[in-house]
Every structure is written in C-alpha cells, then in structure tokens.
C-alpha cells in the first residue's frame, strides 16, 4: 500500500488538473470519481487501494497508466497485466450475460471496499459475486484467487473452445471451499465436473 500511496502522490503532483496538497486535493478526487472522501483519504494514507473500476477511473483522472498506478509495473509487466486484465474482463462480462439470461438485474460493483465484481438481484434475492477467470487446458484449470469477503460468492469463469464452429464457451462454477492461494482444479470430462482432490466444485446455481 505504501508504494501505491507514493505513486498516487507523484501522479497528483504532476497533473495540472489536480489541486495542490492542502488545497482540496482529496475533495476534488472524491467528487470527480463519486467516491466518499473517507475512501479517498484511505488511499492517500496508504490504508487501502481502489478496486479495479475505481483504479481505472483514477488513472484516467490523473492521466497516468492504469497498470503503473495500480502495480508500479514496467512496460513489459504492464503489457502482461493488460492481457490478464482483458481475460478477466471477458469472464466478468460472460458471467454478466449468464445472470441476465437467468433473469437477474445486474450492476457492476463500484465501491472500492467491496471485493465483488457484480451485484445481481432477482425475485427479492440479492447476490454479490466475484469472478475468477481461467482457461481449461488439457483437462486442468489453474485459478489464482484471494480470500473471499463475507457475503461474496466466488465464481470460476472457465473458458474453453467449443467444438462447434470454434466458438468460445464458458463454464461457471461455485468456488466455495477454494483455498486462498493458487489452486489446480482437474476437469473430469466424463461428467463435466471440476474437482480438486475429493472436493467437487458444482456448476453455479443461484
């Protein structure tokens, strides 16, 4: 967090649109991004970092590279990060389409303190979901995840090439029970289920 705080200060100092330190800087950013002033204060204090959506908007406001602001990445690291981010975005949008087809009203999460990507609502039921995107390769999927926030359902968005017309198809699985670190999930093609040891990860059913 300390390194992000330093990059944030550096970016603000270099951007002519941002007020000087002590002259309403945090208030300006808070209003521009529609984020609470307390949330922005925590960024500057190094207590936390913005979530993906807020980080992208902050980078645009400060006129700096998103990956550099978020990670302090070199040019090569930035390109790799963009490729991963593009894949993750595709999984989030695929999950959104799945939820819409299931009759849910869907909104992307904007709150930087909320670890979910999507908030879905239908028939009086509100569900928060965090999407984790990965590819199925030779019957194995490796998903790197983080400890889920209470009340947030972690969903594996597994993309694979469909035999029909080389289309891209997704499996959506409930990752409840997944460890906090990198985890390998083996795909059993006979019954199309994902397992890790004796643990079976079932298709998403909300």
N, C-alpha and C. Protein backbone atom coordinates (compact mmCIF):
# COMPACT_ATOMS: atom_id res chain seq x y z
N UNK A 1 0.82 -1.20 0.00
CA UNK A 1 0.00 0.00 0.00
C UNK A 1 0.87 1.27 0.00
N UNK A 2 2.02 1.17 0.67
CA UNK A 2 2.90 2.33 0.78
C UNK A 2 3.37 2.78 -0.59
N UNK A 3 3.71 1.82 -1.47
CA UNK A 3 4.19 2.15 -2.81
C UNK A 3 3.07 2.78 -3.64
N UNK A 4 1.85 2.25 -3.50
CA UNK A 4 0.73 2.87 -4.22
C UNK A 4 0.52 4.30 -3.75
N UNK A 5 0.58 4.52 -2.45
CA UNK A 5 0.40 5.87 -1.91
C UNK A 5 1.41 6.84 -2.52
N UNK A 6 2.64 6.37 -2.67
CA UNK A 6 3.69 7.22 -3.25
C UNK A 6 3.41 7.52 -4.73
N UNK A 7 2.95 6.51 -5.47
CA UNK A 7 2.63 6.73 -6.89
C UNK A 7 1.43 7.67 -7.03
N UNK A 8 0.48 7.55 -6.11
CA UNK A 8 -0.70 8.43 -6.12
C UNK A 8 -0.28 9.88 -5.89
N UNK A 9 0.57 10.10 -4.90
CA UNK A 9 1.05 11.46 -4.62
C UNK A 9 1.84 12.01 -5.80
N UNK A 10 2.70 11.17 -6.36
CA UNK A 10 3.51 11.59 -7.51
C UNK A 10 2.63 11.98 -8.69
N UNK A 11 1.61 11.18 -8.96
CA UNK A 11 0.70 11.45 -10.08
C UNK A 11 -0.09 12.73 -9.87
N UNK A 12 -0.53 12.95 -8.64
CA UNK A 12 -1.28 14.16 -8.32
C UNK A 12 -0.41 15.40 -8.49
N UNK A 13 0.82 15.32 -8.03
CA UNK A 13 1.75 16.45 -8.13
C UNK A 13 2.06 16.81 -9.58
N UNK A 14 2.03 15.79 -10.46
CA UNK A 14 2.40 16.01 -11.85
C UNK A 14 1.22 16.43 -12.72
N UNK A 15 -0.01 16.24 -12.21
CA UNK A 15 -1.21 16.55 -13.01
C UNK A 15 -1.68 17.98 -12.73
N UNK A 16 -1.75 18.79 -13.77
CA UNK A 16 -2.09 20.20 -13.58
C UNK A 16 -3.55 20.40 -13.19
N UNK A 17 -4.39 19.37 -13.42
CA UNK A 17 -5.81 19.49 -13.10
C UNK A 17 -6.10 19.25 -11.62
N UNK A 18 -5.15 18.67 -10.92
CA UNK A 18 -5.37 18.29 -9.52
C UNK A 18 -4.89 19.41 -8.59
N UNK A 19 -5.71 19.83 -7.64
CA UNK A 19 -5.29 20.89 -6.70
C UNK A 19 -4.03 20.50 -5.93
N UNK A 20 -3.28 21.49 -5.50
CA UNK A 20 -2.08 21.24 -4.70
C UNK A 20 -2.45 20.61 -3.38
N UNK A 21 -1.46 19.95 -2.78
CA UNK A 21 -1.65 19.34 -1.47
C UNK A 21 -2.06 20.40 -0.46
N UNK A 22 -3.11 20.12 0.30
CA UNK A 22 -3.59 21.06 1.29
C UNK A 22 -4.58 22.07 0.77
N UNK A 23 -4.92 21.96 -0.53
CA UNK A 23 -5.86 22.90 -1.14
C UNK A 23 -7.06 22.16 -1.78
N UNK A 24 -7.55 21.15 -1.11
CA UNK A 24 -8.75 20.46 -1.59
C UNK A 24 -8.49 19.31 -2.54
N UNK A 25 -7.30 18.73 -2.50
CA UNK A 25 -6.95 17.64 -3.41
C UNK A 25 -7.88 16.43 -3.23
N UNK A 26 -8.05 15.98 -2.01
CA UNK A 26 -8.86 14.79 -1.76
C UNK A 26 -10.33 15.05 -2.08
N UNK A 27 -10.80 16.26 -1.78
CA UNK A 27 -12.20 16.60 -2.08
C UNK A 27 -12.43 16.58 -3.59
N UNK A 28 -11.48 17.12 -4.34
CA UNK A 28 -11.58 17.16 -5.80
C UNK A 28 -11.69 15.75 -6.38
N UNK A 29 -10.82 14.85 -5.93
CA UNK A 29 -10.81 13.47 -6.43
C UNK A 29 -12.09 12.76 -6.00
N UNK A 30 -12.51 13.00 -4.77
CA UNK A 30 -13.74 12.38 -4.27
C UNK A 30 -14.94 12.74 -5.13
N UNK A 31 -15.07 14.01 -5.47
CA UNK A 31 -16.20 14.46 -6.29
C UNK A 31 -16.08 13.97 -7.74
N UNK A 32 -14.86 13.99 -8.26
CA UNK A 32 -14.66 13.58 -9.66
C UNK A 32 -14.97 12.10 -9.87
N UNK A 33 -14.67 11.26 -8.87
CA UNK A 33 -14.86 9.82 -9.01
C UNK A 33 -16.13 9.31 -8.33
N UNK A 34 -16.86 10.24 -7.66
CA UNK A 34 -18.06 9.85 -6.93
C UNK A 34 -17.74 8.79 -5.87
N UNK A 35 -16.63 9.00 -5.19
CA UNK A 35 -16.18 8.14 -4.10
C UNK A 35 -16.22 8.95 -2.81
N UNK A 36 -16.53 8.32 -1.70
CA UNK A 36 -16.58 9.05 -0.44
C UNK A 36 -15.21 9.65 -0.12
N UNK A 37 -15.22 10.81 0.53
CA UNK A 37 -13.97 11.46 0.90
C UNK A 37 -13.16 10.59 1.86
N UNK A 38 -13.85 9.83 2.70
CA UNK A 38 -13.15 8.93 3.62
C UNK A 38 -12.41 7.83 2.85
N UNK A 39 -13.04 7.32 1.78
CA UNK A 39 -12.39 6.32 0.95
C UNK A 39 -11.14 6.86 0.29
N UNK A 40 -11.23 8.09 -0.23
CA UNK A 40 -10.06 8.73 -0.87
C UNK A 40 -8.98 9.01 0.16
N UNK A 41 -9.38 9.42 1.35
CA UNK A 41 -8.41 9.68 2.42
C UNK A 41 -7.59 8.42 2.72
N UNK A 42 -8.26 7.26 2.72
CA UNK A 42 -7.57 6.00 2.99
C UNK A 42 -6.56 5.67 1.90
N UNK A 43 -6.86 6.05 0.63
CA UNK A 43 -5.89 5.84 -0.44
C UNK A 43 -4.61 6.63 -0.16
N UNK A 44 -4.79 7.89 0.19
CA UNK A 44 -3.64 8.76 0.42
C UNK A 44 -2.88 8.37 1.69
N UNK A 45 -3.58 7.76 2.63
CA UNK A 45 -2.92 7.33 3.87
C UNK A 45 -2.22 5.99 3.70
N UNK A 46 -2.48 5.31 2.57
CA UNK A 46 -1.87 4.00 2.35
C UNK A 46 -2.58 2.88 3.07
N UNK A 47 -3.83 3.13 3.49
CA UNK A 47 -4.59 2.10 4.21
C UNK A 47 -5.20 1.07 3.27
N UNK A 48 -5.49 1.48 2.03
CA UNK A 48 -6.07 0.56 1.06
C UNK A 48 -5.87 1.12 -0.35
N UNK A 49 -6.16 0.27 -1.35
CA UNK A 49 -6.08 0.67 -2.75
C UNK A 49 -7.48 0.64 -3.36
N UNK A 50 -7.70 1.42 -4.41
CA UNK A 50 -9.00 1.37 -5.09
C UNK A 50 -9.23 0.01 -5.72
N UNK A 51 -10.50 -0.40 -5.84
CA UNK A 51 -10.82 -1.57 -6.62
C UNK A 51 -10.62 -1.28 -8.10
N UNK A 52 -10.74 -2.32 -8.93
CA UNK A 52 -10.39 -2.22 -10.34
C UNK A 52 -11.10 -1.05 -11.04
N UNK A 53 -12.43 -0.96 -10.89
CA UNK A 53 -13.18 0.09 -11.57
C UNK A 53 -12.74 1.48 -11.14
N UNK A 54 -12.59 1.66 -9.83
CA UNK A 54 -12.18 2.97 -9.31
C UNK A 54 -10.74 3.28 -9.70
N UNK A 55 -9.88 2.26 -9.75
CA UNK A 55 -8.48 2.47 -10.12
C UNK A 55 -8.38 2.94 -11.57
N UNK A 56 -9.18 2.36 -12.44
CA UNK A 56 -9.17 2.77 -13.85
C UNK A 56 -9.61 4.23 -13.99
N UNK A 57 -10.66 4.60 -13.27
CA UNK A 57 -11.15 5.98 -13.33
C UNK A 57 -10.12 6.95 -12.74
N UNK A 58 -9.45 6.52 -11.67
CA UNK A 58 -8.43 7.36 -11.04
C UNK A 58 -7.26 7.57 -11.99
N UNK A 59 -6.84 6.52 -12.68
CA UNK A 59 -5.74 6.64 -13.64
C UNK A 59 -6.10 7.60 -14.77
N UNK A 60 -7.35 7.52 -15.24
CA UNK A 60 -7.81 8.43 -16.30
C UNK A 60 -7.80 9.88 -15.80
N UNK A 61 -8.26 10.07 -14.57
CA UNK A 61 -8.31 11.42 -13.99
C UNK A 61 -6.90 12.01 -13.85
N UNK A 62 -5.95 11.16 -13.44
CA UNK A 62 -4.58 11.63 -13.21
C UNK A 62 -3.71 11.58 -14.47
N UNK A 63 -4.30 11.03 -15.56
CA UNK A 63 -3.59 10.94 -16.85
C UNK A 63 -2.30 10.12 -16.74
N UNK A 64 -2.42 8.96 -16.08
CA UNK A 64 -1.29 8.05 -15.95
C UNK A 64 -1.73 6.65 -16.37
N UNK A 65 -0.77 5.76 -16.59
CA UNK A 65 -1.07 4.39 -16.98
C UNK A 65 -1.70 3.63 -15.82
N UNK A 66 -2.80 2.95 -16.12
CA UNK A 66 -3.55 2.24 -15.08
C UNK A 66 -2.70 1.17 -14.38
N UNK A 67 -1.97 0.35 -15.17
CA UNK A 67 -1.18 -0.73 -14.58
C UNK A 67 -0.04 -0.18 -13.73
N UNK A 68 0.56 0.92 -14.20
CA UNK A 68 1.64 1.53 -13.40
C UNK A 68 1.10 2.06 -12.07
N UNK A 69 -0.03 2.75 -12.12
CA UNK A 69 -0.61 3.31 -10.90
C UNK A 69 -1.00 2.18 -9.94
N UNK A 70 -1.54 1.11 -10.48
CA UNK A 70 -2.01 0.01 -9.64
C UNK A 70 -0.87 -0.85 -9.11
N UNK A 71 0.10 -1.16 -9.99
CA UNK A 71 1.12 -2.14 -9.63
C UNK A 71 2.55 -1.62 -9.64
N UNK A 72 2.76 -0.42 -10.21
CA UNK A 72 4.13 0.07 -10.35
C UNK A 72 4.88 -0.72 -11.41
N UNK A 73 4.18 -1.21 -12.43
CA UNK A 73 4.75 -2.14 -13.40
C UNK A 73 5.66 -1.46 -14.41
N UNK A 74 6.66 -2.20 -14.87
CA UNK A 74 7.47 -1.77 -16.01
C UNK A 74 6.62 -1.92 -17.26
N UNK A 75 7.17 -1.47 -18.42
CA UNK A 75 6.42 -1.56 -19.67
C UNK A 75 6.07 -3.00 -20.00
N UNK A 76 7.05 -3.92 -19.85
CA UNK A 76 6.79 -5.32 -20.18
C UNK A 76 5.75 -5.91 -19.22
N UNK A 77 5.88 -5.61 -17.94
CA UNK A 77 4.92 -6.09 -16.96
C UNK A 77 3.53 -5.53 -17.24
N UNK A 78 3.50 -4.27 -17.69
CA UNK A 78 2.23 -3.63 -17.99
C UNK A 78 1.50 -4.36 -19.11
N UNK A 79 2.22 -4.75 -20.16
CA UNK A 79 1.60 -5.45 -21.28
C UNK A 79 1.06 -6.81 -20.83
N UNK A 80 1.82 -7.50 -20.00
CA UNK A 80 1.35 -8.79 -19.49
C UNK A 80 0.10 -8.60 -18.63
N UNK A 81 0.12 -7.54 -17.81
CA UNK A 81 -1.02 -7.27 -16.93
C UNK A 81 -2.26 -6.95 -17.76
N UNK A 82 -2.08 -6.18 -18.84
CA UNK A 82 -3.23 -5.84 -19.68
C UNK A 82 -3.84 -7.09 -20.30
N UNK A 83 -2.99 -8.05 -20.69
CA UNK A 83 -3.50 -9.28 -21.27
C UNK A 83 -4.33 -10.05 -20.25
N UNK A 84 -3.84 -10.13 -19.02
CA UNK A 84 -4.58 -10.81 -17.95
C UNK A 84 -5.87 -10.07 -17.64
N UNK A 85 -5.78 -8.73 -17.56
CA UNK A 85 -6.95 -7.92 -17.25
C UNK A 85 -8.03 -8.08 -18.33
N UNK A 86 -7.59 -8.16 -19.59
CA UNK A 86 -8.54 -8.34 -20.70
C UNK A 86 -9.27 -9.67 -20.55
N UNK A 87 -8.51 -10.72 -20.19
CA UNK A 87 -9.11 -12.03 -19.99
C UNK A 87 -10.11 -11.99 -18.84
N UNK A 88 -9.72 -11.33 -17.73
CA UNK A 88 -10.60 -11.25 -16.57
C UNK A 88 -11.86 -10.48 -16.91
N UNK A 89 -11.73 -9.37 -17.64
CA UNK A 89 -12.90 -8.59 -18.04
C UNK A 89 -13.86 -9.44 -18.87
N UNK A 90 -13.30 -10.30 -19.75
CA UNK A 90 -14.14 -11.16 -20.58
C UNK A 90 -14.94 -12.11 -19.72
N UNK A 91 -14.33 -12.64 -18.66
CA UNK A 91 -15.04 -13.52 -17.76
C UNK A 91 -16.15 -12.82 -17.01
N UNK A 92 -15.89 -11.59 -16.58
CA UNK A 92 -16.90 -10.81 -15.87
C UNK A 92 -18.09 -10.54 -16.78
N UNK A 93 -17.82 -10.17 -18.03
CA UNK A 93 -18.91 -9.88 -18.96
C UNK A 93 -19.69 -11.15 -19.33
N UNK A 94 -18.98 -12.27 -19.44
CA UNK A 94 -19.66 -13.53 -19.73
C UNK A 94 -20.58 -13.91 -18.57
N UNK A 95 -20.09 -13.74 -17.35
CA UNK A 95 -20.91 -14.03 -16.17
C UNK A 95 -22.11 -13.08 -16.11
N UNK A 96 -21.90 -11.84 -16.48
CA UNK A 96 -23.00 -10.87 -16.52
C UNK A 96 -24.08 -11.33 -17.50
N UNK A 97 -23.67 -11.78 -18.67
CA UNK A 97 -24.64 -12.27 -19.67
C UNK A 97 -25.41 -13.47 -19.13
N UNK A 98 -24.71 -14.37 -18.46
CA UNK A 98 -25.34 -15.55 -17.87
C UNK A 98 -26.41 -15.13 -16.86
N UNK A 99 -26.09 -14.17 -16.02
CA UNK A 99 -27.03 -13.71 -14.99
C UNK A 99 -28.24 -13.01 -15.61
N UNK A 100 -28.00 -12.20 -16.64
CA UNK A 100 -29.10 -11.52 -17.32
C UNK A 100 -30.06 -12.53 -17.95
N UNK A 101 -29.49 -13.58 -18.55
CA UNK A 101 -30.33 -14.62 -19.16
C UNK A 101 -31.11 -15.39 -18.10
N UNK A 102 -30.57 -15.44 -16.88
CA UNK A 102 -31.26 -16.12 -15.78
C UNK A 102 -32.30 -15.22 -15.12
N UNK A 103 -32.45 -14.00 -15.62
CA UNK A 103 -33.48 -13.11 -15.12
C UNK A 103 -33.04 -12.14 -14.04
N UNK A 104 -31.74 -12.05 -13.82
CA UNK A 104 -31.24 -11.13 -12.79
C UNK A 104 -31.03 -9.72 -13.36
N UNK A 105 -31.25 -8.75 -12.52
CA UNK A 105 -30.82 -7.38 -12.81
C UNK A 105 -29.39 -7.27 -12.29
N UNK A 106 -28.49 -6.75 -13.13
CA UNK A 106 -27.07 -6.81 -12.82
C UNK A 106 -26.45 -5.41 -12.81
N UNK A 107 -25.56 -5.18 -11.85
CA UNK A 107 -24.81 -3.93 -11.79
C UNK A 107 -23.35 -4.25 -11.44
N UNK A 108 -22.41 -3.51 -12.04
CA UNK A 108 -21.00 -3.68 -11.71
C UNK A 108 -20.71 -2.95 -10.41
N UNK A 109 -19.90 -3.58 -9.57
CA UNK A 109 -19.58 -3.02 -8.26
C UNK A 109 -18.62 -1.84 -8.41
N UNK A 110 -18.93 -0.73 -7.76
CA UNK A 110 -18.09 0.47 -7.81
C UNK A 110 -17.42 0.77 -6.47
N UNK A 111 -17.97 0.23 -5.39
CA UNK A 111 -17.45 0.51 -4.05
C UNK A 111 -16.05 -0.07 -3.89
N UNK A 112 -15.02 0.76 -3.62
CA UNK A 112 -13.65 0.27 -3.51
C UNK A 112 -13.44 -0.66 -2.31
N UNK A 113 -14.37 -0.64 -1.35
CA UNK A 113 -14.24 -1.51 -0.18
C UNK A 113 -14.93 -2.86 -0.39
N UNK A 114 -15.58 -3.04 -1.53
CA UNK A 114 -16.34 -4.25 -1.82
C UNK A 114 -15.53 -5.15 -2.76
N UNK A 115 -15.29 -6.39 -2.37
CA UNK A 115 -14.45 -7.29 -3.16
C UNK A 115 -15.20 -7.95 -4.32
N UNK A 116 -16.51 -7.73 -4.42
CA UNK A 116 -17.27 -8.34 -5.50
C UNK A 116 -17.08 -7.57 -6.80
N UNK A 117 -17.35 -8.25 -7.92
CA UNK A 117 -17.33 -7.61 -9.24
C UNK A 117 -18.72 -7.23 -9.70
N UNK A 118 -19.71 -8.03 -9.28
CA UNK A 118 -21.08 -7.89 -9.77
C UNK A 118 -22.05 -8.00 -8.60
N UNK A 119 -23.10 -7.18 -8.65
CA UNK A 119 -24.23 -7.32 -7.74
C UNK A 119 -25.44 -7.69 -8.59
N UNK A 120 -26.07 -8.81 -8.26
CA UNK A 120 -27.21 -9.30 -9.05
C UNK A 120 -28.44 -9.40 -8.16
N UNK A 121 -29.62 -9.09 -8.75
CA UNK A 121 -30.87 -9.08 -7.97
C UNK A 121 -32.00 -9.68 -8.80
N UNK A 122 -32.75 -10.59 -8.17
CA UNK A 122 -33.94 -11.16 -8.82
C UNK A 122 -34.83 -11.81 -7.77
N UNK A 123 -36.14 -11.62 -7.93
CA UNK A 123 -37.13 -12.25 -7.05
C UNK A 123 -36.84 -12.01 -5.57
N UNK A 124 -36.45 -10.79 -5.25
CA UNK A 124 -36.17 -10.44 -3.87
C UNK A 124 -34.85 -10.95 -3.34
N UNK A 125 -34.03 -11.53 -4.20
CA UNK A 125 -32.75 -12.11 -3.79
C UNK A 125 -31.59 -11.28 -4.33
N UNK A 126 -30.71 -10.85 -3.43
CA UNK A 126 -29.53 -10.07 -3.80
C UNK A 126 -28.30 -10.94 -3.64
N UNK A 127 -27.47 -11.00 -4.68
CA UNK A 127 -26.26 -11.82 -4.65
C UNK A 127 -25.07 -10.99 -5.11
N UNK A 128 -23.99 -11.06 -4.36
CA UNK A 128 -22.73 -10.43 -4.76
C UNK A 128 -21.77 -11.51 -5.23
N UNK A 129 -21.15 -11.28 -6.39
CA UNK A 129 -20.30 -12.30 -6.98
C UNK A 129 -18.94 -11.72 -7.36
N UNK A 130 -17.88 -12.49 -7.09
CA UNK A 130 -16.53 -12.15 -7.53
C UNK A 130 -16.13 -13.16 -8.60
N UNK A 131 -15.78 -12.68 -9.79
CA UNK A 131 -15.45 -13.57 -10.91
C UNK A 131 -13.96 -13.85 -10.94
N UNK A 132 -13.61 -15.12 -11.10
CA UNK A 132 -12.23 -15.55 -11.26
C UNK A 132 -12.13 -16.30 -12.58
N UNK A 133 -11.44 -15.72 -13.54
CA UNK A 133 -11.40 -16.26 -14.90
C UNK A 133 -10.16 -17.10 -15.13
N UNK A 134 -10.33 -18.23 -15.80
CA UNK A 134 -9.21 -19.10 -16.13
C UNK A 134 -9.57 -19.90 -17.37
N UNK A 135 -8.57 -20.58 -17.94
CA UNK A 135 -8.79 -21.38 -19.14
C UNK A 135 -8.67 -22.86 -18.80
N UNK A 136 -9.43 -23.68 -19.52
CA UNK A 136 -9.33 -25.12 -19.40
C UNK A 136 -8.28 -25.59 -20.41
N UNK A 137 -7.19 -26.16 -19.90
CA UNK A 137 -6.10 -26.61 -20.76
C UNK A 137 -5.75 -28.05 -20.41
N UNK A 138 -5.90 -28.93 -21.38
CA UNK A 138 -5.59 -30.35 -21.18
C UNK A 138 -6.28 -30.92 -19.95
N UNK A 139 -7.53 -30.53 -19.74
CA UNK A 139 -8.30 -31.06 -18.64
C UNK A 139 -7.95 -30.50 -17.28
N UNK A 140 -7.19 -29.43 -17.23
CA UNK A 140 -6.80 -28.84 -15.95
C UNK A 140 -7.01 -27.34 -15.99
N UNK A 141 -7.45 -26.80 -14.88
CA UNK A 141 -7.65 -25.37 -14.74
C UNK A 141 -6.90 -24.89 -13.51
N UNK A 142 -6.13 -23.80 -13.65
CA UNK A 142 -5.44 -23.21 -12.51
C UNK A 142 -6.04 -21.85 -12.25
N UNK A 143 -6.64 -21.69 -11.09
CA UNK A 143 -7.27 -20.43 -10.71
C UNK A 143 -6.52 -19.86 -9.53
N UNK A 144 -6.09 -18.62 -9.66
CA UNK A 144 -5.46 -17.92 -8.55
C UNK A 144 -6.49 -17.00 -7.94
N UNK A 145 -6.77 -17.18 -6.69
CA UNK A 145 -7.83 -16.42 -6.06
C UNK A 145 -7.36 -15.82 -4.75
N UNK A 146 -8.20 -15.04 -4.14
CA UNK A 146 -7.90 -14.43 -2.85
C UNK A 146 -9.00 -14.79 -1.87
N UNK A 147 -8.73 -14.60 -0.60
CA UNK A 147 -9.70 -14.93 0.42
C UNK A 147 -10.97 -14.14 0.19
N UNK A 148 -12.10 -14.82 0.06
CA UNK A 148 -13.35 -14.10 -0.26
C UNK A 148 -13.84 -13.26 0.90
N UNK A 149 -14.50 -12.17 0.57
CA UNK A 149 -15.13 -11.31 1.56
C UNK A 149 -16.44 -11.96 1.99
N UNK A 150 -16.79 -11.80 3.26
CA UNK A 150 -18.04 -12.37 3.75
C UNK A 150 -19.21 -11.86 2.92
N UNK A 151 -20.08 -12.76 2.51
CA UNK A 151 -21.25 -12.38 1.74
C UNK A 151 -21.02 -12.30 0.24
N UNK A 152 -19.81 -12.63 -0.22
CA UNK A 152 -19.49 -12.59 -1.65
C UNK A 152 -19.24 -14.01 -2.15
N UNK A 153 -19.95 -14.40 -3.20
CA UNK A 153 -19.80 -15.72 -3.80
C UNK A 153 -18.72 -15.66 -4.87
N UNK A 154 -17.68 -16.49 -4.74
CA UNK A 154 -16.62 -16.54 -5.73
C UNK A 154 -17.00 -17.52 -6.83
N UNK A 155 -16.94 -17.05 -8.08
CA UNK A 155 -17.37 -17.85 -9.23
C UNK A 155 -16.20 -18.05 -10.19
N UNK A 156 -15.96 -19.30 -10.54
CA UNK A 156 -14.96 -19.60 -11.56
C UNK A 156 -15.58 -19.47 -12.93
N UNK A 157 -15.01 -18.61 -13.76
CA UNK A 157 -15.48 -18.43 -15.15
C UNK A 157 -14.47 -19.14 -16.04
N UNK A 158 -14.74 -20.38 -16.37
CA UNK A 158 -13.80 -21.23 -17.10
C UNK A 158 -14.11 -21.17 -18.58
N UNK A 159 -13.20 -20.59 -19.37
CA UNK A 159 -13.49 -20.52 -20.80
C UNK A 159 -12.74 -21.61 -21.54
N UNK A 160 -13.39 -22.08 -22.59
CA UNK A 160 -12.86 -23.19 -23.38
C UNK A 160 -13.41 -23.08 -24.79
N UNK A 161 -12.70 -23.62 -25.75
CA UNK A 161 -13.17 -23.60 -27.14
C UNK A 161 -14.22 -24.67 -27.32
N UNK A 162 -15.32 -24.28 -27.90
CA UNK A 162 -16.39 -25.23 -28.18
C UNK A 162 -16.11 -25.94 -29.50
N UNK A 163 -16.37 -27.25 -29.59
CA UNK A 163 -16.15 -27.97 -30.86
C UNK A 163 -16.97 -27.40 -32.00
N UNK A 164 -18.11 -26.80 -31.67
CA UNK A 164 -18.97 -26.26 -32.72
C UNK A 164 -18.47 -24.90 -33.18
N UNK A 165 -17.95 -24.83 -34.38
CA UNK A 165 -17.56 -23.59 -35.04
C UNK A 165 -16.51 -22.81 -34.25
N UNK A 166 -15.72 -23.52 -33.45
CA UNK A 166 -14.64 -22.90 -32.69
C UNK A 166 -15.11 -21.73 -31.83
N UNK A 167 -16.35 -21.81 -31.35
CA UNK A 167 -16.90 -20.75 -30.52
C UNK A 167 -16.29 -20.81 -29.12
N UNK A 168 -16.37 -19.71 -28.41
CA UNK A 168 -15.88 -19.66 -27.05
C UNK A 168 -17.04 -19.94 -26.10
N UNK A 169 -16.87 -20.94 -25.25
CA UNK A 169 -17.91 -21.29 -24.29
C UNK A 169 -17.36 -21.18 -22.88
N UNK A 170 -18.22 -20.91 -21.92
CA UNK A 170 -17.82 -20.77 -20.52
C UNK A 170 -18.56 -21.78 -19.66
N UNK A 171 -17.87 -22.27 -18.64
CA UNK A 171 -18.50 -22.95 -17.52
C UNK A 171 -18.41 -22.01 -16.33
N UNK A 172 -19.49 -21.93 -15.56
CA UNK A 172 -19.49 -21.10 -14.36
C UNK A 172 -19.65 -22.03 -13.16
N UNK A 173 -18.66 -22.02 -12.26
CA UNK A 173 -18.69 -22.94 -11.13
C UNK A 173 -18.60 -22.19 -9.81
N UNK A 174 -19.24 -22.74 -8.82
CA UNK A 174 -19.24 -22.18 -7.47
C UNK A 174 -17.93 -22.60 -6.80
N UNK A 175 -17.08 -21.63 -6.48
CA UNK A 175 -15.77 -21.92 -5.92
C UNK A 175 -15.75 -21.91 -4.39
N UNK A 176 -16.89 -22.06 -3.77
CA UNK A 176 -16.94 -22.15 -2.32
C UNK A 176 -16.05 -23.31 -1.87
N UNK A 177 -15.14 -23.04 -0.94
CA UNK A 177 -14.23 -24.07 -0.47
C UNK A 177 -12.86 -24.02 -1.10
N UNK A 178 -12.65 -23.12 -2.06
CA UNK A 178 -11.34 -22.98 -2.69
C UNK A 178 -10.36 -22.36 -1.72
N UNK A 179 -9.13 -22.83 -1.71
CA UNK A 179 -8.12 -22.27 -0.83
C UNK A 179 -7.79 -20.85 -1.24
N UNK A 180 -7.08 -20.12 -0.36
CA UNK A 180 -6.75 -18.72 -0.60
C UNK A 180 -5.64 -18.54 -1.61
N UNK A 181 -4.82 -19.58 -1.86
CA UNK A 181 -3.69 -19.45 -2.77
C UNK A 181 -4.01 -20.13 -4.10
N UNK A 182 -3.00 -20.25 -4.98
CA UNK A 182 -3.22 -20.87 -6.28
C UNK A 182 -3.72 -22.30 -6.11
N UNK A 183 -4.67 -22.70 -6.94
CA UNK A 183 -5.32 -23.99 -6.78
C UNK A 183 -5.51 -24.63 -8.16
N UNK A 184 -5.23 -25.91 -8.28
CA UNK A 184 -5.48 -26.63 -9.52
C UNK A 184 -6.79 -27.39 -9.42
N UNK A 185 -7.63 -27.21 -10.39
CA UNK A 185 -8.91 -27.92 -10.43
C UNK A 185 -8.91 -28.82 -11.66
N UNK A 186 -9.04 -30.13 -11.46
CA UNK A 186 -8.99 -31.06 -12.57
C UNK A 186 -10.38 -31.29 -13.15
N UNK A 187 -10.46 -31.16 -14.45
CA UNK A 187 -11.74 -31.36 -15.13
C UNK A 187 -11.92 -32.84 -15.49
N UNK A 188 -12.97 -33.47 -15.00
CA UNK A 188 -13.32 -34.83 -15.39
C UNK A 188 -14.33 -34.74 -16.53
N UNK A 189 -13.86 -35.06 -17.73
CA UNK A 189 -14.71 -34.87 -18.90
C UNK A 189 -15.88 -35.84 -18.96
N UNK A 190 -15.81 -36.94 -18.21
CA UNK A 190 -16.89 -37.92 -18.27
C UNK A 190 -18.21 -37.34 -17.77
N UNK A 191 -18.15 -36.59 -16.67
CA UNK A 191 -19.37 -35.98 -16.15
C UNK A 191 -19.26 -34.46 -16.09
N UNK A 192 -18.23 -33.93 -16.73
CA UNK A 192 -18.06 -32.49 -16.89
C UNK A 192 -18.08 -31.75 -15.54
N UNK A 193 -17.40 -32.30 -14.53
CA UNK A 193 -17.32 -31.63 -13.25
C UNK A 193 -15.86 -31.29 -12.94
N UNK A 194 -15.69 -30.29 -12.08
CA UNK A 194 -14.37 -29.82 -11.68
C UNK A 194 -14.09 -30.29 -10.26
N UNK A 195 -12.95 -30.93 -10.06
CA UNK A 195 -12.62 -31.43 -8.74
C UNK A 195 -11.20 -31.04 -8.36
N UNK A 196 -10.97 -31.02 -7.05
CA UNK A 196 -9.63 -30.88 -6.51
C UNK A 196 -9.53 -31.85 -5.35
N UNK A 197 -8.81 -32.94 -5.57
CA UNK A 197 -8.82 -34.00 -4.59
C UNK A 197 -10.22 -34.58 -4.52
N UNK A 198 -10.78 -34.64 -3.31
CA UNK A 198 -12.13 -35.16 -3.14
C UNK A 198 -13.20 -34.08 -3.21
N UNK A 199 -12.75 -32.82 -3.31
CA UNK A 199 -13.71 -31.72 -3.33
C UNK A 199 -14.24 -31.51 -4.74
N UNK A 200 -15.55 -31.47 -4.87
CA UNK A 200 -16.20 -31.24 -6.16
C UNK A 200 -16.77 -29.82 -6.17
N UNK A 201 -16.43 -29.08 -7.22
CA UNK A 201 -16.96 -27.73 -7.39
C UNK A 201 -18.12 -27.80 -8.37
N UNK A 202 -19.30 -27.49 -7.90
CA UNK A 202 -20.52 -27.66 -8.68
C UNK A 202 -20.79 -26.46 -9.59
N UNK A 203 -21.57 -26.66 -10.65
CA UNK A 203 -21.97 -25.55 -11.51
C UNK A 203 -22.70 -24.48 -10.70
N UNK A 204 -22.54 -23.24 -11.10
CA UNK A 204 -23.19 -22.13 -10.41
C UNK A 204 -24.69 -22.32 -10.44
N UNK A 205 -25.32 -22.19 -9.30
CA UNK A 205 -26.77 -22.33 -9.19
C UNK A 205 -27.27 -21.32 -8.17
N UNK A 206 -27.71 -20.16 -8.65
CA UNK A 206 -28.20 -19.13 -7.74
C UNK A 206 -29.65 -18.78 -8.05
